Amino acid sequence: NGKPGCATLEGPSRQT
C-alpha cells in the first residue's frame, strides 16, 4: 500500500 497506482484497498501489491 502507498502507491497511487494501486486501486484496490485489500491488495497492496495488486495493480489494476
PDB file of N, CA and C in Angstrom:
ATOM      1  N   ASN A   1       0.829  -1.215   0.000  1.00  0.00           N
ATOM      2  CA  ASN A   1       0.000   0.000   0.000  1.00  0.00           C
ATOM      3  C   ASN A   1       0.859   1.258   0.000  1.00  0.00           C
ATOM      4  N   GLY A   2       0.307   2.350  -0.512  1.00  0.00           N
ATOM      5  CA  GLY A   2       1.083   3.583  -0.523  1.00  0.00           C
ATOM      6  C   GLY A   2       1.312   4.075  -1.944  1.00  0.00           C
ATOM      7  N   LYS A   3       0.962   3.238  -2.916  1.00  0.00           N
ATOM      8  CA  LYS A   3       1.149   3.643  -4.315  1.00  0.00           C
ATOM      9  C   LYS A   3      -0.176   4.098  -4.929  1.00  0.00           C
ATOM     10  N   PRO A   4      -0.174   5.243  -5.557  1.00  0.00           N
ATOM     11  CA  PRO A   4      -1.367   5.793  -6.198  1.00  0.00           C
ATOM     12  C   PRO A   4      -1.813   4.930  -7.385  1.00  0.00           C
ATOM     13  N   GLY A   5      -0.951   4.047  -7.834  1.00  0.00           N
ATOM     14  CA  GLY A   5      -1.277   3.194  -8.973  1.00  0.00           C
ATOM     15  C   GLY A   5      -2.143   2.021  -8.564  1.00  0.00           C
ATOM     16  N   CYS A   6      -2.177   1.722  -7.272  1.00  0.00           N
ATOM     17  CA  CYS A   6      -2.994   0.607  -6.769  1.00  0.00           C
ATOM     18  C   CYS A   6      -4.417   1.075  -6.495  1.00  0.00           C
ATOM     19  N   ALA A   7      -5.359   0.432  -7.138  1.00  0.00           N
ATOM     20  CA  ALA A   7      -6.753   0.859  -6.991  1.00  0.00           C
ATOM     21  C   ALA A   7      -7.481   0.022  -5.958  1.00  0.00           C
ATOM     22  N   THR A   8      -6.834  -1.032  -5.472  1.00  0.00           N
ATOM     23  CA  THR A   8      -7.515  -1.907  -4.505  1.00  0.00           C
ATOM     24  C   THR A   8      -7.045  -1.631  -3.086  1.00  0.00           C
ATOM     25  N   LEU A   9      -7.963  -1.659  -2.144  1.00  0.00           N
ATOM     26  CA  LEU A   9      -7.612  -1.393  -0.748  1.00  0.00           C
ATOM     27  C   LEU A   9      -7.099  -2.650  -0.070  1.00  0.00           C
ATOM     28  N   GLU A  10      -7.604  -3.785  -0.515  1.00  0.00           N
ATOM     29  CA  GLU A  10      -7.209  -5.046   0.124  1.00  0.00           C
ATOM     30  C   GLU A  10      -5.961  -5.628  -0.537  1.00  0.00           C
ATOM     31  N   GLY A  11      -5.634  -5.148  -1.727  1.00  0.00           N
ATOM     32  CA  GLY A  11      -4.450  -5.673  -2.422  1.00  0.00           C
ATOM     33  C   GLY A  11      -3.355  -4.632  -2.524  1.00  0.00           C
ATOM     34  N   PRO A  12      -2.469  -4.591  -1.552  1.00  0.00           N
ATOM     35  CA  PRO A  12      -1.378  -3.627  -1.515  1.00  0.00           C
ATOM     36  C   PRO A  12      -0.383  -3.854  -2.660  1.00  0.00           C
ATOM     37  N   SER A  13      -0.275  -5.077  -3.075  1.00  0.00           N
ATOM     38  CA  SER A  13       0.680  -5.427  -4.136  1.00  0.00           C
ATOM     39  C   SER A  13      -0.052  -5.583  -5.466  1.00  0.00           C
ATOM     40  N   ARG A  14      -1.353  -5.339  -5.436  1.00  0.00           N
ATOM     41  CA  ARG A  14      -2.141  -5.584  -6.643  1.00  0.00           C
ATOM     42  C   ARG A  14      -2.274  -4.297  -7.464  1.00  0.00           C
ATOM     43  N   GLN A  15      -1.922  -4.350  -8.734  1.00  0.00           N
ATOM     44  CA  GLN A  15      -2.053  -3.175  -9.601  1.00  0.00           C
ATOM     45  C   GLN A  15      -3.173  -3.385 -10.609  1.00  0.00           C
ATOM     46  N   THR A  16      -4.145  -2.499 -10.625  1.00  0.00           N
ATOM     47  CA  THR A  16      -5.271  -2.684 -11.556  1.00  0.00           C
ATOM     48  C   THR A  16      -5.132  -1.706 -12.717  1.00  0.00           C
TER      49      THR A  16
END
